[in-house]
Structures are given as C-alpha cells and as structure tokens.
Amino acid sequence: MPKHKKIHRDKNKNGVDDRLDLIAHISAVVLPFTTIDQLYIVFVKKQTDGVSSTTWLLYGLLTIPLLIYSIKRKEVPMIILNGLWVIIDFAVWIGVVMYS
C-alpha cells in the first residue's frame, strides 16, 4: 500500500506551508523586541557607555531600503520586521544622542 504524503494547507498559494508562514509572522514581530534591553538601558538607566550612535543611526538608515523593498514586494512579515527595526533603531539612536 503506497504511503501518501500529508499535504499541508497553502491558503496563500505561494508554495509555502501555512505553518511556516505563521512562524515567519510571529518571528517578524518578536525579533525586533529582542532589543528591548538596549532601549531599557538607554532610556531608563540613561547609560550610553559603549553604545555607538553611529552604529544605531546606520542600522536605521540601512533598514529603510529594506522596508521600502518589503512594501513594494507586499511581503507582510518583512514589512512588519523592517518597520519595527526602523522604529527601534532610531529610538536607540535618539536615546544615545539625548543622553550622551
């Protein structure tokens, strides 16, 4: 008796298992928040020693083209991910500039 492959849903008809789409969406939201500790240190503790304003400015600026590309491609997880990174990167940069 032949074994049948279990077919997973692909409601977007993009060739990607819906479970992978779900994981990508969750990761896109959660990943930028891994930087919350940096925001806490800069804004709550007002400690900026060892935090480079140039690095965070470049992170923010270089993420903008990725966000635009994501929007043009209509890739929702990437729009979320890059949009949140732009906000967080510039927030850290602003905090470093304010408290240095």
Protein backbone atom coordinates (compact mmCIF):
# COMPACT_ATOMS: atom_id res chain seq x y z
CA MET A 1 0.00 0.00 0.00
CA PRO A 2 1.61 3.34 -1.04
CA LYS A 3 2.26 5.94 1.59
CA HIS A 4 0.63 9.26 0.93
CA LYS A 5 2.38 12.46 1.72
CA LYS A 6 0.46 14.62 4.10
CA ILE A 7 -0.40 17.82 2.29
CA HIS A 8 -0.33 20.96 4.37
CA ARG A 9 -2.52 23.91 3.64
CA ASP A 10 -1.20 26.67 1.41
CA LYS A 11 -4.02 29.21 1.54
CA ASN A 12 -1.78 31.92 0.06
CA LYS A 13 -0.92 29.62 -2.85
CA ASN A 14 2.68 30.77 -2.58
CA GLY A 15 4.20 27.31 -2.31
CA VAL A 16 4.88 27.77 1.40
CA ASP A 17 3.34 25.62 4.12
CA ASP A 18 0.97 27.78 6.17
CA ARG A 19 2.79 26.73 9.35
CA LEU A 20 5.99 28.34 8.03
CA ASP A 21 4.03 31.49 7.18
CA LEU A 22 2.79 31.58 10.78
CA ILE A 23 6.29 31.12 12.19
CA ALA A 24 7.60 33.89 9.92
CA HIS A 25 4.86 36.28 11.06
CA ILE A 26 5.48 35.55 14.74
CA SER A 27 9.25 35.91 14.31
CA ALA A 28 8.81 39.19 12.43
CA VAL A 29 7.01 40.67 15.43
CA VAL A 30 9.10 39.11 18.20
CA LEU A 31 12.62 39.55 16.77
CA PRO A 32 12.86 43.35 16.98
CA PHE A 33 11.75 43.23 20.60
CA THR A 34 14.91 41.33 21.47
CA THR A 35 16.45 44.81 21.56
CA ILE A 36 14.16 45.99 24.38
CA ASP A 37 17.04 45.60 26.85
CA GLN A 38 19.07 48.14 24.84
CA LEU A 39 16.16 50.59 24.94
CA TYR A 40 15.79 49.99 28.68
CA ILE A 41 19.48 50.66 29.33
CA VAL A 42 19.47 53.84 27.24
CA PHE A 43 16.11 55.35 28.25
CA VAL A 44 15.52 54.10 31.80
CA LYS A 45 19.05 53.79 33.13
CA LYS A 46 20.30 56.58 30.84
CA GLN A 47 23.52 54.64 30.29
CA THR A 48 25.09 55.09 26.89
CA ASP A 49 28.66 53.98 27.57
CA GLY A 50 29.72 51.59 24.83
CA VAL A 51 26.65 52.32 22.70
CA SER A 52 27.60 53.77 19.33
CA SER A 53 25.25 56.42 17.96
CA THR A 54 26.83 55.94 14.53
CA THR A 55 26.06 52.21 14.53
CA TRP A 56 22.41 52.68 15.51
CA LEU A 57 21.97 55.52 13.01
CA LEU A 58 23.36 53.31 10.25
CA TYR A 59 21.15 50.40 11.34
CA GLY A 60 18.11 52.67 11.00
CA LEU A 61 19.15 54.23 7.70
CA LEU A 62 20.13 50.95 6.08
CA THR A 63 16.88 49.29 7.12
CA ILE A 64 14.79 51.90 5.28
CA PRO A 65 15.58 50.48 1.80
CA LEU A 66 14.70 47.00 3.11
CA LEU A 67 11.38 48.34 4.39
CA ILE A 68 10.64 50.00 1.05
CA TYR A 69 11.55 46.80 -0.80
CA SER A 70 9.29 44.78 1.52
CA ILE A 71 6.41 47.16 0.89
CA LYS A 72 6.93 47.01 -2.88
CA ARG A 73 7.01 43.18 -2.74
CA LYS A 74 3.98 43.12 -0.41
CA GLU A 75 5.78 40.75 1.97
CA VAL A 76 3.85 41.28 5.21
CA PRO A 77 6.31 39.57 7.59
CA MET A 78 9.18 41.60 6.13
CA ILE A 79 7.17 44.83 6.31
CA ILE A 80 6.48 44.18 9.99
CA LEU A 81 10.06 43.16 10.71
CA ASN A 82 11.72 46.05 8.92
CA GLY A 83 9.15 48.59 10.11
CA LEU A 84 9.75 47.64 13.73
CA TRP A 85 13.53 47.66 13.22
CA VAL A 86 13.40 51.19 11.80
CA ILE A 87 11.44 52.38 14.84
CA ILE A 88 13.67 50.61 17.36
CA ASP A 89 16.96 51.53 15.66
CA PHE A 90 16.08 55.21 15.54
CA ALA A 91 14.72 55.12 19.09
CA VAL A 92 18.05 53.78 20.39
CA TRP A 93 19.93 56.35 18.29
CA ILE A 94 17.78 59.19 19.67
CA GLY A 95 18.35 57.97 23.23
CA VAL A 96 22.11 57.80 22.73
CA VAL A 97 22.15 61.32 21.28
CA MET A 98 19.98 62.64 24.14
CA TYR A 99 21.89 61.00 26.99
CA SER A 100 25.50 61.15 25.78
